[in-house]
Amino acid sequence: MFKFDWKRIGMTAGLSLTLLAAGCGSDGGSSDSGGESGSDGESSGKANYGEEINYEITGIEAGAGVVAASQDAVEKYDSLAGWEVSTSSSGAMATALGEAIDNEEPIVVTGWTPHWKFAEYDLKYLEDPQGVFGDAEEIKTMVKTGLKDEKPNAYKILDQFQWETSQMEEVMLEIQNGADPAEAAKNWVSNNEDAVSSWTEGTEEVDGKEVELVYVNWDSEIASTNVVAEVMKEQGFEVTATPLDNGPMWEAVANGEADGMVAAWLPATHGSQFEKYGEQVEDLGANLEGAKIGLVVPEYMDVDSIEDLQAAE
């Protein structure tokens, strides 16, 4: 099946569910320095959340686009002077977010939409006046060159796959509530025949043709990849879906070791990977529009902008 040199590429272990949530803020003082006068919580009249959480933004895996953007925000916003972005795993960050909300404590995390966390918790993105996190993103489908000739029916399904944020979040929430990803995908496919028929329109059933999909082990991509895999299985394909880190995922498609992915976040999150591998893959366009990355906090925190937090003293 897969012909990866695993020591070279490094397969992401397991199918652990991931959560990406983000938040960050700074003080809303009116000084020209963009928050310097608000480094004192008393002078700004706002709680010094930074002090409470040790001036730390809870991040996910090092190398993720939202982590890099958060580190950039720390450099650019005076209100984040002295802050740090901690990196761990998406699962660890999910746990930290849930524990903070259970205790109604402040937390600032890196996050994105679509994600089930916005259905589960009352969260908000912090405004980003300097535009560090960019505009809305698209999740795009990338396939290896030559797939259209080699596996035309698989190519057409991938090319026609497109859905809405709310649809993706249905699958993610079912997985978060304990369902196996493949079972959640199967349930969604059986309950959404109209959408599925639009993806398979004009294709023919096959008899065990192998298809290799790759994805980054994020909740959104676990959901989308399992749904596409289930649709392909119903069309007679034998599908293998392999979780990889960001770089190896792009490399696998670029090198033809995988047939495709529905997990390319652009232009920001996977911008560096697209710059490196974009000319070696075929871009089939967006399968979901309106995706977003940024800093997210619980709604109960009295901050609305990155500039509403205070710099470290």
C-alpha atoms as a PDB file:
ATOM      1  CA  MET A   1       0.000   0.000   0.000  1.00  0.00           C
ATOM      2  CA  PHE A   2       2.004   2.992   1.257  1.00  0.00           C
ATOM      3  CA  LYS A   3       5.584   3.239   0.083  1.00  0.00           C
ATOM      4  CA  PHE A   4       6.764   5.832   2.610  1.00  0.00           C
ATOM      5  CA  ASP A   5      10.205   5.817   4.111  1.00  0.00           C
ATOM      6  CA  TRP A   6       8.668   6.224   7.558  1.00  0.00           C
ATOM      7  CA  LYS A   7      11.943   7.265   9.229  1.00  0.00           C
ATOM      8  CA  ARG A   8      12.282  10.016   6.675  1.00  0.00           C
ATOM      9  CA  ILE A   9       8.697  11.162   6.704  1.00  0.00           C
ATOM     10  CA  GLY A  10       7.483  10.331  10.184  1.00  0.00           C
ATOM     11  CA  MET A  11       3.939   9.104  10.508  1.00  0.00           C
ATOM     12  CA  THR A  12       1.758  10.769  13.077  1.00  0.00           C
ATOM     13  CA  ALA A  13       0.869   8.122  15.622  1.00  0.00           C
ATOM     14  CA  GLY A  14      -2.730   7.268  16.336  1.00  0.00           C
ATOM     15  CA  LEU A  15      -5.940   8.935  15.529  1.00  0.00           C
ATOM     16  CA  SER A  16      -6.229  11.076  18.647  1.00  0.00           C
ATOM     17  CA  LEU A  17      -8.861  13.743  18.374  1.00  0.00           C
ATOM     18  CA  THR A  18      -7.588  17.237  18.109  1.00  0.00           C
ATOM     19  CA  LEU A  19      -8.848  20.569  19.235  1.00  0.00           C
ATOM     20  CA  LEU A  20      -7.674  23.906  18.102  1.00  0.00           C
ATOM     21  CA  ALA A  21      -8.917  26.937  19.992  1.00  0.00           C
ATOM     22  CA  ALA A  22      -7.158  30.237  20.304  1.00  0.00           C
ATOM     23  CA  GLY A  23      -7.243  33.387  22.223  1.00  0.00           C
ATOM     24  CA  CYS A  24      -5.062  36.306  22.896  1.00  0.00           C
ATOM     25  CA  GLY A  25      -5.516  39.872  23.849  1.00  0.00           C
ATOM     26  CA  SER A  26      -4.028  43.066  25.047  1.00  0.00           C
ATOM     27  CA  ASP A  27      -5.069  46.168  26.782  1.00  0.00           C
ATOM     28  CA  GLY A  28      -7.311  48.640  25.110  1.00  0.00           C
ATOM     29  CA  GLY A  29      -5.352  51.689  26.198  1.00  0.00           C
ATOM     30  CA  SER A  30      -5.196  54.634  23.837  1.00  0.00           C
ATOM     31  CA  SER A  31      -1.455  55.177  23.886  1.00  0.00           C
ATOM     32  CA  ASP A  32       0.329  55.307  20.567  1.00  0.00           C
ATOM     33  CA  SER A  33       2.471  52.381  21.614  1.00  0.00           C
ATOM     34  CA  GLY A  34      -0.451  50.010  21.106  1.00  0.00           C
ATOM     35  CA  GLY A  35      -0.999  48.836  24.663  1.00  0.00           C
ATOM     36  CA  GLU A  36       2.052  49.955  26.609  1.00  0.00           C
ATOM     37  CA  SER A  37      -0.083  52.113  28.913  1.00  0.00           C
ATOM     38  CA  GLY A  38      -2.302  49.103  29.568  1.00  0.00           C
ATOM     39  CA  SER A  39       0.439  46.853  30.875  1.00  0.00           C
ATOM     40  CA  ASP A  40      -0.864  47.786  34.330  1.00  0.00           C
ATOM     41  CA  GLY A  41      -4.217  46.098  34.839  1.00  0.00           C
ATOM     42  CA  GLU A  42      -5.310  48.777  37.335  1.00  0.00           C
ATOM     43  CA  SER A  43      -4.749  51.662  34.927  1.00  0.00           C
ATOM     44  CA  SER A  44      -6.728  49.983  32.153  1.00  0.00           C
ATOM     45  CA  GLY A  45      -9.596  48.930  34.387  1.00  0.00           C
ATOM     46  CA  LYS A  46      -9.458  45.388  32.964  1.00  0.00           C
ATOM     47  CA  ALA A  47      -8.402  42.176  34.635  1.00  0.00           C
ATOM     48  CA  ASN A  48      -4.772  41.325  34.040  1.00  0.00           C
ATOM     49  CA  TYR A  49      -5.426  37.951  32.471  1.00  0.00           C
ATOM     50  CA  GLY A  50      -1.828  37.729  31.360  1.00  0.00           C
ATOM     51  CA  GLU A  51      -0.612  37.613  34.929  1.00  0.00           C
ATOM     52  CA  GLU A  52      -3.210  34.972  35.801  1.00  0.00           C
ATOM     53  CA  ILE A  53      -2.073  32.651  33.005  1.00  0.00           C
ATOM     54  CA  ASN A  54       1.629  33.479  33.275  1.00  0.00           C
ATOM     55  CA  TYR A  55       1.573  35.423  29.995  1.00  0.00           C
ATOM     56  CA  GLU A  56       1.217  32.214  28.031  1.00  0.00           C
ATOM     57  CA  ILE A  57      -0.737  31.411  24.878  1.00  0.00           C
ATOM     58  CA  THR A  58      -1.585  27.719  24.852  1.00  0.00           C
ATOM     59  CA  GLY A  59      -0.601  26.389  21.442  1.00  0.00           C
ATOM     60  CA  ILE A  60      -0.708  23.167  19.509  1.00  0.00           C
ATOM     61  CA  GLU A  61       2.000  21.358  17.547  1.00  0.00           C
ATOM     62  CA  ALA A  62       5.132  23.309  16.682  1.00  0.00           C
ATOM     63  CA  GLY A  63       5.148  24.069  12.971  1.00  0.00           C
ATOM     64  CA  ALA A  64       1.390  24.571  12.665  1.00  0.00           C
ATOM     65  CA  GLY A  65       0.502  27.755  10.808  1.00  0.00           C
ATOM     66  CA  VAL A  66      -1.621  29.118  13.639  1.00  0.00           C
ATOM     67  CA  VAL A  67       1.304  28.662  16.028  1.00  0.00           C
ATOM     68  CA  ALA A  68       3.650  30.536  13.705  1.00  0.00           C
ATOM     69  CA  ALA A  69       1.089  33.323  13.337  1.00  0.00           C
ATOM     70  CA  SER A  70       0.685  33.498  17.116  1.00  0.00           C
ATOM     71  CA  GLN A  71       4.436  33.823  17.539  1.00  0.00           C
ATOM     72  CA  ASP A  72       4.358  36.607  14.954  1.00  0.00           C
ATOM     73  CA  ALA A  73       1.578  38.311  16.934  1.00  0.00           C
ATOM     74  CA  VAL A  74       3.726  38.222  20.066  1.00  0.00           C
ATOM     75  CA  GLU A  75       6.420  40.069  18.146  1.00  0.00           C
ATOM     76  CA  LYS A  76       4.111  42.653  16.577  1.00  0.00           C
ATOM     77  CA  TYR A  77       1.659  43.563  19.332  1.00  0.00           C
ATOM     78  CA  ASP A  78       2.934  45.727  22.182  1.00  0.00           C
ATOM     79  CA  SER A  79       0.163  44.241  24.290  1.00  0.00           C
ATOM     80  CA  LEU A  80       1.802  40.817  23.957  1.00  0.00           C
ATOM     81  CA  ALA A  81       5.304  41.939  24.876  1.00  0.00           C
ATOM     82  CA  GLY A  82       6.792  39.321  27.170  1.00  0.00           C
ATOM     83  CA  TRP A  83       4.219  36.655  26.260  1.00  0.00           C
ATOM     84  CA  GLU A  84       5.162  33.193  25.032  1.00  0.00           C
ATOM     85  CA  VAL A  85       3.414  30.636  22.834  1.00  0.00           C
ATOM     86  CA  SER A  86       3.680  27.191  24.393  1.00  0.00           C
ATOM     87  CA  THR A  87       3.567  24.226  22.034  1.00  0.00           C
ATOM     88  CA  SER A  88       2.330  20.753  22.858  1.00  0.00           C
ATOM     89  CA  SER A  89      -0.240  18.586  21.125  1.00  0.00           C
ATOM     90  CA  SER A  90      -3.714  19.411  19.909  1.00  0.00           C
ATOM     91  CA  GLY A  91      -5.123  16.934  22.414  1.00  0.00           C
ATOM     92  CA  ALA A  92      -3.249  18.520  25.305  1.00  0.00           C
ATOM     93  CA  MET A  93      -4.500  21.922  24.305  1.00  0.00           C
ATOM     94  CA  ALA A  94      -8.050  20.605  24.121  1.00  0.00           C
ATOM     95  CA  THR A  95      -7.734  19.289  27.638  1.00  0.00           C
ATOM     96  CA  ALA A  96      -6.376  22.610  28.893  1.00  0.00           C
ATOM     97  CA  LEU A  97      -9.220  24.516  27.263  1.00  0.00           C
ATOM     98  CA  GLY A  98     -11.867  22.240  28.721  1.00  0.00           C
ATOM     99  CA  GLU A  99     -10.381  22.368  32.209  1.00  0.00           C
ATOM    100  CA  ALA A 100     -10.162  26.158  32.120  1.00  0.00           C
ATOM    101  CA  ILE A 101     -13.796  26.472  31.044  1.00  0.00           C
ATOM    102  CA  ASP A 102     -14.977  23.967  33.664  1.00  0.00           C
ATOM    103  CA  ASN A 103     -13.370  26.182  36.320  1.00  0.00           C
ATOM    104  CA  GLU A 104     -14.270  29.453  34.550  1.00  0.00           C
ATOM    105  CA  GLU A 105     -10.612  30.402  34.436  1.00  0.00           C
ATOM    106  CA  PRO A 106      -8.929  32.545  31.770  1.00  0.00           C
ATOM    107  CA  ILE A 107      -7.093  30.885  28.924  1.00  0.00           C
ATOM    108  CA  VAL A 108      -5.694  32.062  25.591  1.00  0.00           C
ATOM    109  CA  VAL A 109      -5.264  29.411  22.924  1.00  0.00           C
ATOM    110  CA  THR A 110      -4.523  29.034  19.236  1.00  0.00           C
ATOM    111  CA  GLY A 111      -7.614  28.041  17.262  1.00  0.00           C
ATOM    112  CA  TRP A 112      -9.445  27.639  13.989  1.00  0.00           C
ATOM    113  CA  THR A 113     -12.864  27.248  12.443  1.00  0.00           C
ATOM    114  CA  PRO A 114     -14.514  24.946  11.531  1.00  0.00           C
ATOM    115  CA  HIS A 115     -14.296  23.050  14.782  1.00  0.00           C
ATOM    116  CA  TRP A 116     -16.735  21.378  17.134  1.00  0.00           C
ATOM    117  CA  LYS A 117     -15.414  23.472  20.025  1.00  0.00           C
ATOM    118  CA  PHE A 118     -17.619  26.378  18.951  1.00  0.00           C
ATOM    119  CA  ALA A 119     -20.685  24.157  19.299  1.00  0.00           C
ATOM    120  CA  GLU A 120     -19.498  22.710  22.589  1.00  0.00           C
ATOM    121  CA  TYR A 121     -18.252  25.907  24.277  1.00  0.00           C
ATOM    122  CA  ASP A 122     -19.139  29.609  24.242  1.00  0.00           C
ATOM    123  CA  LEU A 123     -16.004  31.018  22.607  1.00  0.00           C
ATOM    124  CA  LYS A 124     -14.934  34.067  20.650  1.00  0.00           C
ATOM    125  CA  TYR A 125     -12.073  35.069  18.400  1.00  0.00           C
ATOM    126  CA  LEU A 126     -10.091  38.070  19.550  1.00  0.00           C
ATOM    127  CA  GLU A 127     -10.038  40.890  17.044  1.00  0.00           C
ATOM    128  CA  ASP A 128      -6.759  41.170  15.173  1.00  0.00           C
ATOM    129  CA  PRO A 129      -6.371  44.851  14.178  1.00  0.00           C
ATOM    130  CA  GLN A 130      -2.971  44.309  12.612  1.00  0.00           C
ATOM    131  CA  GLY A 131      -4.176  41.406  10.472  1.00  0.00           C
ATOM    132  CA  VAL A 132      -1.472  39.018  11.657  1.00  0.00           C
ATOM    133  CA  PHE A 133      -3.730  35.991  11.203  1.00  0.00           C
ATOM    134  CA  GLY A 134      -4.888  37.021   7.744  1.00  0.00           C
ATOM    135  CA  ASP A 135      -8.305  36.838   6.156  1.00  0.00           C
ATOM    136  CA  ALA A 136     -10.636  33.864   5.939  1.00  0.00           C
ATOM    137  CA  GLU A 137      -9.008  30.717   4.616  1.00  0.00           C
ATOM    138  CA  GLU A 138     -10.079  27.920   2.325  1.00  0.00           C
ATOM    139  CA  ILE A 139      -9.591  24.216   2.848  1.00  0.00           C
ATOM    140  CA  LYS A 140      -8.512  22.881  -0.529  1.00  0.00           C
ATOM    141  CA  THR A 141      -8.156  19.519  -2.234  1.00  0.00           C
ATOM    142  CA  MET A 142      -4.754  18.588  -3.643  1.00  0.00           C
ATOM    143  CA  VAL A 143      -4.002  15.487  -5.705  1.00  0.00           C
ATOM    144  CA  LYS A 144      -0.906  14.014  -7.261  1.00  0.00           C
ATOM    145  CA  THR A 145      -0.200  14.880 -10.869  1.00  0.00           C
ATOM    146  CA  GLY A 146      -1.550  12.275 -13.257  1.00  0.00           C
ATOM    147  CA  LEU A 147      -4.376  11.100 -10.993  1.00  0.00           C
ATOM    148  CA  LYS A 148      -7.029  12.125 -13.527  1.00  0.00           C
ATOM    149  CA  ASP A 149      -5.679   9.647 -16.069  1.00  0.00           C
ATOM    150  CA  GLU A 150      -4.690   6.966 -13.583  1.00  0.00           C
ATOM    151  CA  LYS A 151      -7.872   6.910 -11.470  1.00  0.00           C
ATOM    152  CA  PRO A 152     -10.497   9.088 -13.182  1.00  0.00           C
ATOM    153  CA  ASN A 153     -13.381   8.142 -10.892  1.00  0.00           C
ATOM    154  CA  ALA A 154     -11.405   8.859  -7.734  1.00  0.00           C
ATOM    155  CA  TYR A 155     -10.234  12.125  -9.278  1.00  0.00           C
ATOM    156  CA  LYS A 156     -13.790  13.192 -10.055  1.00  0.00           C
ATOM    157  CA  ILE A 157     -15.069  12.465  -6.544  1.00  0.00           C
ATOM    158  CA  LEU A 158     -12.229  14.488  -5.050  1.00  0.00           C
ATOM    159  CA  ASP A 159     -12.792  17.272  -7.561  1.00  0.00           C
ATOM    160  CA  GLN A 160     -16.530  17.473  -6.788  1.00  0.00           C
ATOM    161  CA  PHE A 161     -16.205  17.182  -2.997  1.00  0.00           C
ATOM    162  CA  GLN A 162     -17.408  20.370  -1.334  1.00  0.00           C
ATOM    163  CA  TRP A 163     -19.351  21.005   1.862  1.00  0.00           C
ATOM    164  CA  GLU A 164     -20.242  23.604   4.482  1.00  0.00           C
ATOM    165  CA  THR A 165     -18.776  24.374   7.885  1.00  0.00           C
ATOM    166  CA  SER A 166     -21.949  23.236   9.657  1.00  0.00           C
ATOM    167  CA  GLN A 167     -21.798  19.880   7.875  1.00  0.00           C
ATOM    168  CA  MET A 168     -18.199  19.283   8.878  1.00  0.00           C
ATOM    169  CA  GLU A 169     -18.938  20.264  12.463  1.00  0.00           C
ATOM    170  CA  GLU A 170     -21.730  17.665  12.656  1.00  0.00           C
ATOM    171  CA  VAL A 171     -19.175  14.939  12.021  1.00  0.00           C
ATOM    172  CA  MET A 172     -16.592  16.452  14.353  1.00  0.00           C
ATOM    173  CA  LEU A 173     -19.061  16.756  17.215  1.00  0.00           C
ATOM    174  CA  GLU A 174     -20.184  13.141  16.864  1.00  0.00           C
ATOM    175  CA  ILE A 175     -16.552  12.042  17.019  1.00  0.00           C
ATOM    176  CA  GLN A 176     -15.908  14.237  20.049  1.00  0.00           C
ATOM    177  CA  ASN A 177     -18.909  12.645  21.751  1.00  0.00           C
ATOM    178  CA  GLY A 178     -17.299   9.237  21.444  1.00  0.00           C
ATOM    179  CA  ALA A 179     -18.047   7.879  17.977  1.00  0.00           C
ATOM    180  CA  ASP A 180     -15.345   6.197  15.939  1.00  0.00           C
ATOM    181  CA  PRO A 181     -14.356   8.545  13.067  1.00  0.00           C
ATOM    182  CA  ALA A 182     -15.217   5.964  10.408  1.00  0.00           C
ATOM    183  CA  GLU A 183     -18.595   5.286  12.019  1.00  0.00           C
ATOM    184  CA  ALA A 184     -19.388   9.003  12.333  1.00  0.00           C
ATOM    185  CA  ALA A 185     -18.513   9.468   8.664  1.00  0.00           C
ATOM    186  CA  LYS A 186     -20.691   6.527   7.668  1.00  0.00           C
ATOM    187  CA  ASN A 187     -23.626   7.952   9.629  1.00  0.00           C
ATOM    188  CA  TRP A 188     -23.238  11.357   7.996  1.00  0.00           C
ATOM    189  CA  VAL A 189     -22.994   9.893   4.482  1.00  0.00           C
ATOM    190  CA  SER A 190     -26.135   7.795   4.986  1.00  0.00           C
ATOM    191  CA  ASN A 191     -28.049  10.860   6.224  1.00  0.00           C
ATOM    192  CA  ASN A 192     -26.925  13.244   3.468  1.00  0.00           C
ATOM    193  CA  GLU A 193     -27.643  11.483   0.203  1.00  0.00           C
ATOM    194  CA  ASP A 194     -28.160  14.692  -1.776  1.00  0.00           C
ATOM    195  CA  ALA A 195     -24.712  16.033  -0.930  1.00  0.00           C
ATOM    196  CA  VAL A 196     -23.050  12.688  -1.559  1.00  0.00           C
ATOM    197  CA  SER A 197     -24.781  12.211  -4.911  1.00  0.00           C
ATOM    198  CA  SER A 198     -23.423  15.579  -6.068  1.00  0.00           C
ATOM    199  CA  TRP A 199     -19.901  14.372  -5.278  1.00  0.00           C
ATOM    200  CA  THR A 200     -20.292  11.073  -7.126  1.00  0.00           C
ATOM    201  CA  GLU A 201     -22.262  12.434 -10.072  1.00  0.00           C
ATOM    202  CA  GLY A 202     -20.804  11.223 -13.372  1.00  0.00           C
ATOM    203  CA  THR A 203     -18.613   8.565 -11.763  1.00  0.00           C
ATOM    204  CA  GLU A 204     -18.731   4.808 -12.144  1.00  0.00           C
ATOM    205  CA  GLU A 205     -18.400   2.171  -9.470  1.00  0.00           C
ATOM    206  CA  VAL A 206     -15.081   0.332  -9.364  1.00  0.00           C
ATOM    207  CA  ASP A 207     -14.014  -3.056  -8.086  1.00  0.00           C
ATOM    208  CA  GLY A 208     -11.424  -2.678  -5.334  1.00  0.00           C
ATOM    209  CA  LYS A 209      -9.306   0.053  -6.920  1.00  0.00           C
ATOM    210  CA  GLU A 210      -6.837   1.265  -4.295  1.00  0.00           C
ATOM    211  CA  VAL A 211      -6.783   4.918  -3.211  1.00  0.00           C
ATOM    212  CA  GLU A 212      -4.303   6.428  -0.767  1.00  0.00           C
ATOM    213  CA  LEU A 213      -5.395   9.547   1.142  1.00  0.00           C
ATOM    214  CA  VAL A 214      -3.321  11.501   3.641  1.00  0.00           C
ATOM    215  CA  TYR A 215      -4.340  14.098   6.205  1.00  0.00           C
ATOM    216  CA  VAL A 216      -3.020  16.066   9.145  1.00  0.00           C
ATOM    217  CA  ASN A 217      -4.387  14.725  12.425  1.00  0.00           C
ATOM    218  CA  TRP A 218      -6.688  17.659  13.226  1.00  0.00           C
ATOM    219  CA  ASP A 219     -10.358  17.230  14.103  1.00  0.00           C
ATOM    220  CA  SER A 220     -11.490  18.978  10.935  1.00  0.00           C
ATOM    221  CA  GLU A 221      -9.322  16.810   8.696  1.00  0.00           C
ATOM    222  CA  ILE A 222     -10.184  13.608  10.524  1.00  0.00           C
ATOM    223  CA  ALA A 223     -13.820  14.412   9.752  1.00  0.00           C
ATOM    224  CA  SER A 224     -13.413  15.396   6.105  1.00  0.00           C
ATOM    225  CA  THR A 225     -11.006  12.607   5.193  1.00  0.00           C
ATOM    226  CA  ASN A 226     -13.156   9.919   6.766  1.00  0.00           C
ATOM    227  CA  VAL A 227     -16.249  11.237   4.978  1.00  0.00           C
ATOM    228  CA  VAL A 228     -14.500  11.245   1.585  1.00  0.00           C
ATOM    229  CA  ALA A 229     -13.068   7.804   2.294  1.00  0.00           C
ATOM    230  CA  GLU A 230     -16.537   6.444   3.102  1.00  0.00           C
ATOM    231  CA  VAL A 231     -17.980   7.877  -0.104  1.00  0.00           C
ATOM    232  CA  MET A 232     -15.182   6.277  -2.100  1.00  0.00           C
ATOM    233  CA  LYS A 233     -15.657   2.946  -0.343  1.00  0.00           C
ATOM    234  CA  GLU A 234     -19.340   2.973  -1.301  1.00  0.00           C
ATOM    235  CA  GLN A 235     -18.196   3.437  -4.911  1.00  0.00           C
ATOM    236  CA  GLY A 236     -16.060   0.301  -4.654  1.00  0.00           C
ATOM    237  CA  PHE A 237     -12.655   1.776  -3.834  1.00  0.00           C
ATOM    238  CA  GLU A 238     -10.307   0.246  -1.280  1.00  0.00           C
ATOM    239  CA  VAL A 239      -9.242   3.329   0.664  1.00  0.00           C
ATOM    240  CA  THR A 240      -6.317   3.819   3.008  1.00  0.00           C
ATOM    241  CA  ALA A 241      -6.246   7.069   5.002  1.00  0.00           C
ATOM    242  CA  THR A 242      -2.972   7.877   6.745  1.00  0.00           C
ATOM    243  CA  PRO A 243      -2.386  10.703   9.266  1.00  0.00           C
ATOM    244  CA  LEU A 244       0.876  12.604   8.827  1.00  0.00           C
ATOM    245  CA  ASP A 245       2.467  15.809  10.011  1.00  0.00           C
ATOM    246  CA  ASN A 246       1.947  18.889   7.843  1.00  0.00           C
ATOM    247  CA  GLY A 247       5.141  18.731   5.799  1.00  0.00           C
ATOM    248  CA  PRO A 248       5.106  14.964   5.165  1.00  0.00           C
ATOM    249  CA  MET A 249       1.439  15.165   4.131  1.00  0.00           C
ATOM    250  CA  TRP A 250       2.266  17.620   1.352  1.00  0.00           C
ATOM    251  CA  GLU A 251       5.419  15.726   0.428  1.00  0.00           C
ATOM    252  CA  ALA A 252       3.500  12.452   0.082  1.00  0.00           C
ATOM    253  CA  VAL A 253       1.108  13.928  -2.481  1.00  0.00           C
ATOM    254  CA  ALA A 254       3.857  15.849  -4.282  1.00  0.00           C
ATOM    255  CA  ASN A 255       5.960  12.701  -4.633  1.00  0.00           C
ATOM    256  CA  GLY A 256       3.008  10.611  -5.778  1.00  0.00           C
ATOM    257  CA  GLU A 257       3.195   8.333  -2.738  1.00  0.00           C
ATOM    258  CA  ALA A 258      -0.382   9.351  -1.905  1.00  0.00           C
ATOM    259  CA  ASP A 259      -3.216  10.046  -4.323  1.00  0.00           C
ATOM    260  CA  GLY A 260      -4.531  13.127  -2.608  1.00  0.00           C
ATOM    261  CA  MET A 261      -5.697  15.078   0.432  1.00  0.00           C
ATOM    262  CA  VAL A 262      -8.653  17.268   1.328  1.00  0.00           C
ATOM    263  CA  ALA A 263      -6.717  19.007   4.088  1.00  0.00           C
ATOM    264  CA  ALA A 264      -4.828  21.957   2.557  1.00  0.00           C
ATOM    265  CA  TRP A 265      -5.484  25.147   4.559  1.00  0.00           C
ATOM    266  CA  LEU A 266      -4.602  28.176   2.426  1.00  0.00           C
ATOM    267  CA  PRO A 267      -3.324  30.769   2.016  1.00  0.00           C
ATOM    268  CA  ALA A 268      -1.881  31.093   5.540  1.00  0.00           C
ATOM    269  CA  THR A 269      -1.818  27.852   7.506  1.00  0.00           C
ATOM    270  CA  HIS A 270      -0.100  25.721   4.868  1.00  0.00           C
ATOM    271  CA  GLY A 271       1.425  28.636   3.009  1.00  0.00           C
ATOM    272  CA  SER A 272       5.012  27.480   3.457  1.00  0.00           C
ATOM    273  CA  GLN A 273       4.160  23.949   2.309  1.00  0.00           C
ATOM    274  CA  PHE A 274       2.312  25.259  -0.738  1.00  0.00           C
ATOM    275  CA  GLU A 275       5.294  27.415  -1.624  1.00  0.00           C
ATOM    276  CA  LYS A 276       7.525  24.343  -1.468  1.00  0.00           C
ATOM    277  CA  TYR A 277       5.278  21.728  -3.079  1.00  0.00           C
ATOM    278  CA  GLY A 278       2.575  23.681  -4.924  1.00  0.00           C
ATOM    279  CA  GLU A 279       4.043  23.158  -8.376  1.00  0.00           C
ATOM    280  CA  GLN A 280       4.279  19.399  -7.790  1.00  0.00           C
ATOM    281  CA  VAL A 281       0.581  18.829  -7.011  1.00  0.00           C
ATOM    282  CA  GLU A 282      -2.701  19.558  -8.762  1.00  0.00           C
ATOM    283  CA  ASP A 283      -4.944  22.033  -6.975  1.00  0.00           C
ATOM    284  CA  LEU A 284      -8.622  21.044  -7.326  1.00  0.00           C
ATOM    285  CA  GLY A 285      -9.892  24.100  -5.502  1.00  0.00           C
ATOM    286  CA  ALA A 286     -11.729  24.695  -2.249  1.00  0.00           C
ATOM    287  CA  ASN A 287     -13.767  21.964  -0.600  1.00  0.00           C
ATOM    288  CA  LEU A 288     -14.739  24.343   2.228  1.00  0.00           C
ATOM    289  CA  GLU A 289     -14.738  28.134   2.312  1.00  0.00           C
ATOM    290  CA  GLY A 290     -14.701  30.568   5.215  1.00  0.00           C
ATOM    291  CA  ALA A 291     -12.192  28.737   7.397  1.00  0.00           C
ATOM    292  CA  LYS A 292     -10.410  30.893   9.941  1.00  0.00           C
ATOM    293  CA  ILE A 293      -7.437  30.839  12.273  1.00  0.00           C
ATOM    294  CA  GLY A 294      -6.708  33.121  15.189  1.00  0.00           C
ATOM    295  CA  LEU A 295      -6.663  33.527  18.931  1.00  0.00           C
ATOM    296  CA  VAL A 296      -9.739  32.377  20.826  1.00  0.00           C
ATOM    297  CA  VAL A 297     -10.886  32.881  24.407  1.00  0.00           C
ATOM    298  CA  PRO A 298     -13.952  31.869  26.436  1.00  0.00           C
ATOM    299  CA  GLU A 299     -16.808  34.342  26.103  1.00  0.00           C
ATOM    300  CA  TYR A 300     -16.726  35.080  29.825  1.00  0.00           C
ATOM    301  CA  MET A 301     -13.332  36.777  29.508  1.00  0.00           C
ATOM    302  CA  ASP A 302     -13.647  40.568  29.385  1.00  0.00           C
ATOM    303  CA  VAL A 303     -11.526  41.039  26.278  1.00  0.00           C
ATOM    304  CA  ASP A 304     -12.517  41.499  22.655  1.00  0.00           C
ATOM    305  CA  SER A 305      -9.236  42.284  20.932  1.00  0.00           C
ATOM    306  CA  ILE A 306      -5.608  41.236  21.101  1.00  0.00           C
ATOM    307  CA  GLU A 307      -5.040  44.818  22.191  1.00  0.00           C
ATOM    308  CA  ASP A 308      -7.205  44.275  25.291  1.00  0.00           C
ATOM    309  CA  LEU A 309      -4.606  42.183  27.108  1.00  0.00           C
ATOM    310  CA  GLN A 310      -1.628  43.535  29.000  1.00  0.00           C
ATOM    311  CA  ALA A 311       2.044  43.152  28.310  1.00  0.00           C
ATOM    312  CA  ALA A 312       4.185  41.318  30.825  1.00  0.00           C
ATOM    313  CA  GLU A 313       5.718  43.638  33.394  1.00  0.00           C
END
